[in-house]
Amino acid sequence: MDDLTEDKRSRVDKLRDQYRLVVLTSDTFKEVKSFDLSVRSIYTIISMVSIISIIGFYSLFAFTPLKRIIPGYGDLEANAQFLGVIEKVDLVIEEIEAQDTYIAALRTALSVPDQDNKPPFTSNFSNVNRDQIKTPDIAKSVKDNSFFKASVDNGIYDTWHKAKVIPPVQGLVSSKFTPEIKHFGVDILAPQNSPINVIMDGFVFSSGWDLETGYTIGVQHEGNILSFYKHNSILLKEKGTFVEAGEAIAIIGNTGTLSSGPHLHFELWHSGKPVNPEDFLNF
């Protein structure tokens, strides 16, 4: 009868049953400690410990640097800073590549003359009929406001706006500015014996012979602007000479291994980077 009654007791009642947990010594069986517990209290203690452990672990990973070890979690602010660093590194790499290109161009312009081929400088004008030289109308060559369309973006505006600027020669552009294939200027076709005019006031920092570009002359202008004039037949100015805008510095030619016909290869550089001359000059 008692067993039947025990079976009919509810589960809730069984949870309330009290039990005693006794701790005894192993040799004398003397009672050291005892605890009165119920099944319900044991469940309650286990639940509380579990909840506290979960909250503790969550706080540990949510509010401490340990969260970075969880894949895909990470701090959004830290990720943004990391992406910003990557962008800055990319910009630095681009600047270095541009500087390398600039240095390579300067090395070409300042290279040691090929003594076995042609002299580094020639101002021998006797074989050219001066009456045949086609001098451009300087008044028509002076810059107009249309040259400013790209100069703001390239940082040349202040210098370009104040200085007197003219095209180096009037002619047809046969090959455009294409830096992707290392063509850092434009090729301009002009009549034979056409003089090459310096685009702005400046100092000649290079004047001589190069195997690939032939007779080449480079001029340093205000505002960290450089201009290069390549494949000339004759150079009229020596290194260190001050030249004024529109002054003839060379005669158009077909010199150098990279030239396939009489033309001027003209390059314009600003702050170590090549810029498209057609953005600034009307040829």
Protein backbone atom coordinates (compact mmCIF):
# COMPACT_ATOMS: atom_id res chain seq x y z
CA MET A 1 0.00 0.00 0.00
CA ASP A 2 2.86 2.34 0.87
CA ASP A 3 4.60 1.59 -2.46
CA LEU A 4 1.44 2.45 -4.37
CA THR A 5 1.16 5.73 -2.50
CA GLU A 6 4.82 6.49 -3.23
CA ASP A 7 4.27 5.99 -6.94
CA LYS A 8 1.33 8.36 -6.94
CA ARG A 9 3.31 11.20 -5.41
CA SER A 10 3.86 14.01 -7.81
CA ARG A 11 7.26 14.86 -9.24
CA VAL A 12 7.11 18.24 -7.55
CA ASP A 13 6.69 16.57 -4.19
CA LYS A 14 9.69 14.37 -4.85
CA LEU A 15 11.79 17.43 -5.63
CA ARG A 16 10.97 18.75 -2.19
CA ASP A 17 12.20 15.66 -0.36
CA GLN A 18 15.10 16.46 1.95
CA TYR A 19 18.35 14.53 1.84
CA ARG A 20 21.39 14.74 4.03
CA LEU A 21 24.88 14.78 2.60
CA VAL A 22 27.34 13.64 5.30
CA VAL A 23 31.13 13.87 5.13
CA LEU A 24 32.91 11.23 7.31
CA THR A 25 36.55 10.47 8.04
CA SER A 26 37.73 7.29 6.35
CA ASP A 27 39.25 5.65 9.44
CA THR A 28 36.89 6.46 12.32
CA PHE A 29 33.79 7.34 10.33
CA LYS A 30 33.48 10.44 12.43
CA GLU A 31 31.10 12.99 10.98
CA VAL A 32 32.94 16.04 9.74
CA LYS A 33 30.27 17.94 7.89
CA SER A 34 26.69 17.44 6.86
CA PHE A 35 24.40 19.23 4.43
CA ASP A 36 20.63 19.13 4.17
CA LEU A 37 19.72 19.28 0.50
CA SER A 38 16.76 18.68 -1.72
CA VAL A 39 16.76 17.74 -5.39
CA ARG A 40 15.22 21.10 -6.15
CA SER A 41 17.98 23.01 -4.37
CA ILE A 42 20.63 21.00 -6.24
CA TYR A 43 18.99 21.92 -9.58
CA THR A 44 18.81 25.56 -8.48
CA ILE A 45 22.50 25.69 -7.56
CA ILE A 46 23.57 24.04 -10.82
CA SER A 47 21.38 26.45 -12.83
CA MET A 48 22.76 29.51 -11.07
CA VAL A 49 26.35 28.39 -11.56
CA SER A 50 25.68 27.74 -15.25
CA ILE A 51 24.04 31.14 -15.77
CA ILE A 52 26.86 32.96 -13.98
CA SER A 53 29.49 31.04 -16.02
CA ILE A 54 27.76 31.89 -19.31
CA ILE A 55 27.49 35.59 -18.39
CA GLY A 56 31.13 35.61 -17.30
CA PHE A 57 32.41 34.04 -20.52
CA TYR A 58 30.26 36.31 -22.65
CA SER A 59 31.57 39.42 -20.85
CA LEU A 60 35.13 38.15 -21.13
CA PHE A 61 34.95 37.79 -24.92
CA ALA A 62 32.62 40.73 -25.60
CA PHE A 63 34.44 43.45 -23.66
CA THR A 64 38.09 42.37 -23.75
CA PRO A 65 40.67 41.93 -26.54
CA LEU A 66 40.05 38.16 -26.38
CA LYS A 67 37.16 38.64 -28.81
CA ARG A 68 39.71 39.03 -31.63
CA ILE A 69 40.45 35.31 -31.44
CA ILE A 70 36.87 34.49 -32.45
CA PRO A 71 36.70 34.16 -36.28
CA GLY A 72 34.42 36.75 -37.88
CA TYR A 73 33.77 38.66 -34.64
CA GLY A 74 36.46 41.32 -34.23
CA ASP A 75 36.09 44.97 -33.37
CA LEU A 76 34.59 46.99 -36.23
CA GLU A 77 36.64 50.03 -35.27
CA ALA A 78 39.84 47.97 -35.32
CA ASN A 79 38.89 46.57 -38.73
CA ALA A 80 38.30 50.10 -40.04
CA GLN A 81 41.72 51.17 -38.77
CA PHE A 82 43.29 48.12 -40.42
CA LEU A 83 41.63 48.97 -43.76
CA GLY A 84 42.82 52.56 -43.39
CA VAL A 85 46.39 51.35 -42.91
CA ILE A 86 46.10 49.19 -46.04
CA GLU A 87 44.90 52.20 -48.06
CA LYS A 88 47.81 54.30 -46.81
CA VAL A 89 50.26 51.54 -47.72
CA ASP A 90 48.78 51.39 -51.24
CA LEU A 91 49.21 55.17 -51.58
CA VAL A 92 52.82 54.95 -50.42
CA ILE A 93 53.48 52.17 -52.96
CA GLU A 94 51.98 54.34 -55.75
CA GLU A 95 54.15 57.28 -54.69
CA ILE A 96 57.26 55.09 -54.68
CA GLU A 97 56.46 53.75 -58.15
CA ALA A 98 55.94 57.30 -59.43
CA GLN A 99 59.24 58.39 -57.90
CA ASP A 100 61.00 55.41 -59.48
CA THR A 101 59.61 56.41 -62.87
CA TYR A 102 60.69 60.00 -62.31
CA ILE A 103 64.21 58.97 -61.29
CA ALA A 104 64.50 56.67 -64.31
CA ALA A 105 63.54 59.56 -66.59
CA LEU A 106 66.10 61.83 -64.95
CA ARG A 107 68.79 59.17 -65.27
CA THR A 108 68.00 58.92 -68.96
CA ALA A 109 68.24 62.68 -69.36
CA LEU A 110 71.42 62.93 -67.32
CA SER A 111 73.11 59.79 -68.67
CA VAL A 112 76.76 59.88 -69.73
CA PRO A 113 77.07 60.73 -73.45
CA ASP A 114 77.90 57.98 -75.90
CA GLN A 115 81.33 59.06 -77.05
CA ASP A 116 81.47 56.34 -79.73
CA ASN A 117 78.36 57.67 -81.41
CA LYS A 118 77.75 61.42 -81.21
CA PRO A 119 78.95 64.28 -79.03
CA PRO A 120 76.85 65.26 -75.99
CA PHE A 121 76.03 68.72 -77.31
CA THR A 122 75.97 70.45 -80.63
CA SER A 123 75.13 74.03 -81.41
CA ASN A 124 76.35 73.77 -84.98
CA PHE A 125 73.69 75.77 -86.79
CA SER A 126 75.68 76.26 -89.98
CA ASN A 127 74.08 73.35 -91.83
CA VAL A 128 70.59 74.76 -91.32
CA ASN A 129 69.24 77.55 -93.49
CA ARG A 130 67.96 80.05 -90.97
CA ASP A 131 65.56 81.46 -93.55
CA GLN A 132 63.86 78.07 -93.71
CA ILE A 133 63.18 77.95 -89.98
CA LYS A 134 59.46 78.31 -89.39
CA THR A 135 59.10 80.49 -86.30
CA PRO A 136 55.64 80.27 -84.73
CA ASP A 137 53.54 83.30 -83.92
CA ILE A 138 54.23 83.66 -80.20
CA ALA A 139 51.14 85.83 -79.69
CA LYS A 140 48.92 83.01 -80.96
CA SER A 141 50.77 80.45 -78.85
CA VAL A 142 50.29 82.10 -75.47
CA LYS A 143 48.11 80.11 -73.09
CA ASP A 144 44.34 80.60 -72.97
CA ASN A 145 41.89 79.69 -70.22
CA SER A 146 41.08 76.33 -71.83
CA PHE A 147 44.47 75.08 -70.63
CA PHE A 148 43.23 75.21 -67.03
CA LYS A 149 40.71 72.36 -67.39
CA ALA A 150 42.94 69.77 -65.67
CA SER A 151 45.52 71.93 -63.98
CA VAL A 152 43.57 72.28 -60.72
CA ASP A 153 43.60 68.52 -60.18
CA ASN A 154 47.29 68.26 -61.02
CA GLY A 155 48.33 71.05 -58.69
CA ILE A 156 49.92 73.15 -61.47
CA TYR A 157 47.24 75.83 -61.57
CA ASP A 158 49.02 78.50 -59.52
CA THR A 159 52.21 78.32 -61.59
CA TRP A 160 50.35 77.90 -64.88
CA HIS A 161 48.08 80.85 -64.16
CA LYS A 162 50.90 83.26 -63.38
CA ALA A 163 53.47 82.19 -65.97
CA LYS A 164 53.65 82.82 -69.68
CA VAL A 165 53.16 79.41 -71.30
CA ILE A 166 53.40 78.40 -74.95
CA PRO A 167 53.46 75.05 -76.78
CA PRO A 168 56.95 73.79 -77.68
CA VAL A 169 55.94 73.45 -81.34
CA GLN A 170 52.82 73.68 -83.50
CA GLY A 171 51.97 70.37 -85.17
CA LEU A 172 49.97 67.16 -85.21
CA VAL A 173 50.00 64.86 -82.17
CA SER A 174 50.84 61.45 -83.62
CA SER A 175 51.20 59.52 -80.36
CA LYS A 176 49.36 60.42 -77.18
CA PHE A 177 50.29 60.28 -73.50
CA THR A 178 50.09 56.58 -72.51
CA PRO A 179 51.81 55.91 -69.17
CA GLU A 180 50.55 52.30 -69.19
CA ILE A 181 53.16 51.49 -71.84
CA LYS A 182 55.72 53.94 -70.37
CA HIS A 183 55.03 56.59 -73.00
CA PHE A 184 55.12 59.55 -70.63
CA GLY A 185 54.67 62.32 -73.18
CA VAL A 186 53.26 63.14 -76.61
CA ASP A 187 54.85 62.85 -80.05
CA ILE A 188 54.31 65.93 -82.23
CA LEU A 189 54.87 66.02 -85.99
CA ALA A 190 56.08 69.39 -87.32
CA PRO A 191 57.76 70.74 -90.48
CA GLN A 192 61.45 70.17 -91.03
CA ASN A 193 63.76 72.72 -89.37
CA SER A 194 61.00 73.75 -86.93
CA PRO A 195 62.50 75.28 -83.79
CA ILE A 196 61.60 73.75 -80.44
CA ASN A 197 60.56 76.47 -77.99
CA VAL A 198 60.76 76.19 -74.21
CA ILE A 199 57.24 76.33 -72.74
CA MET A 200 58.08 78.56 -69.72
CA ASP A 201 60.93 80.41 -68.12
CA GLY A 202 63.42 78.09 -66.50
CA PHE A 203 66.92 76.66 -66.25
CA VAL A 204 68.33 73.97 -68.54
CA PHE A 205 69.39 71.16 -66.20
CA SER A 206 70.19 68.61 -68.91
CA SER A 207 71.41 68.96 -72.47
CA GLY A 208 73.12 66.13 -74.32
CA TRP A 209 73.00 62.89 -76.24
CA ASP A 210 71.20 59.70 -75.22
CA LEU A 211 71.27 56.46 -77.21
CA GLU A 212 67.48 55.95 -77.09
CA THR A 213 66.17 59.54 -77.14
CA GLY A 214 68.91 61.21 -79.20
CA TYR A 215 69.60 64.87 -78.56
CA THR A 216 67.58 65.58 -75.42
CA ILE A 217 67.14 68.72 -73.35
CA GLY A 218 65.41 69.14 -69.97
CA VAL A 219 64.29 72.38 -68.32
CA GLN A 220 63.40 73.03 -64.67
CA HIS A 221 60.53 75.50 -64.20
CA GLU A 222 58.92 77.21 -61.23
CA GLY A 223 56.42 75.18 -59.21
CA ASN A 224 58.38 71.90 -59.38
CA ILE A 225 57.60 71.51 -63.09
CA LEU A 226 59.99 69.80 -65.53
CA SER A 227 59.75 69.69 -69.31
CA PHE A 228 61.67 67.33 -71.61
CA TYR A 229 62.29 67.71 -75.37
CA LYS A 230 63.63 64.60 -77.12
CA HIS A 231 64.79 63.31 -80.55
CA ASN A 232 66.09 66.74 -81.63
CA SER A 233 68.55 67.20 -84.48
CA ILE A 234 70.37 70.11 -82.84
CA LEU A 235 70.56 71.46 -79.30
CA LEU A 236 70.81 75.24 -78.99
CA LYS A 237 71.21 75.60 -75.21
CA GLU A 238 73.75 74.20 -72.79
CA LYS A 239 73.25 72.89 -69.27
CA GLY A 240 72.89 75.70 -66.71
CA THR A 241 71.47 78.23 -69.20
CA PHE A 242 68.46 80.34 -68.20
CA VAL A 243 65.81 80.36 -70.93
CA GLU A 244 62.67 82.43 -71.36
CA ALA A 245 59.27 81.21 -72.53
CA GLY A 246 59.19 80.93 -76.33
CA GLU A 247 62.96 80.87 -76.72
CA ALA A 248 64.27 78.28 -79.21
CA ILE A 249 66.25 75.57 -77.42
CA ALA A 250 66.53 72.90 -80.15
CA ILE A 251 65.63 71.95 -83.74
CA ILE A 252 63.16 69.17 -84.45
CA GLY A 253 64.85 65.95 -85.52
CA ASN A 254 64.92 62.17 -85.77
CA THR A 255 67.71 61.09 -83.42
CA GLY A 256 67.85 58.15 -81.03
CA THR A 257 66.97 54.49 -81.44
CA LEU A 258 63.37 55.09 -80.29
CA SER A 259 62.65 57.56 -83.07
CA SER A 260 61.12 56.42 -86.37
CA GLY A 261 60.81 59.79 -88.09
CA PRO A 262 61.22 63.55 -87.56
CA HIS A 263 59.14 64.59 -84.55
CA LEU A 264 59.33 66.01 -81.05
CA HIS A 265 58.72 63.81 -78.03
CA PHE A 266 57.58 66.23 -75.33
CA GLU A 267 57.11 65.34 -71.65
CA LEU A 268 55.69 67.40 -68.79
CA TRP A 269 56.33 66.37 -65.16
CA HIS A 270 55.00 67.84 -61.90
CA SER A 271 56.21 66.87 -58.41
CA GLY A 272 57.83 63.69 -59.68
CA LYS A 273 54.84 62.50 -61.74
CA PRO A 274 54.23 62.66 -65.49
CA VAL A 275 51.13 64.58 -66.57
CA ASN A 276 49.36 64.66 -69.92
CA PRO A 277 50.68 67.69 -71.87
CA GLU A 278 47.43 67.84 -73.88
CA ASP A 279 45.59 68.71 -70.66
CA PHE A 280 47.53 71.98 -70.57
CA LEU A 281 48.72 72.87 -74.05
CA ASN A 282 47.18 73.30 -77.47
CA PHE A 283 49.46 71.82 -80.12
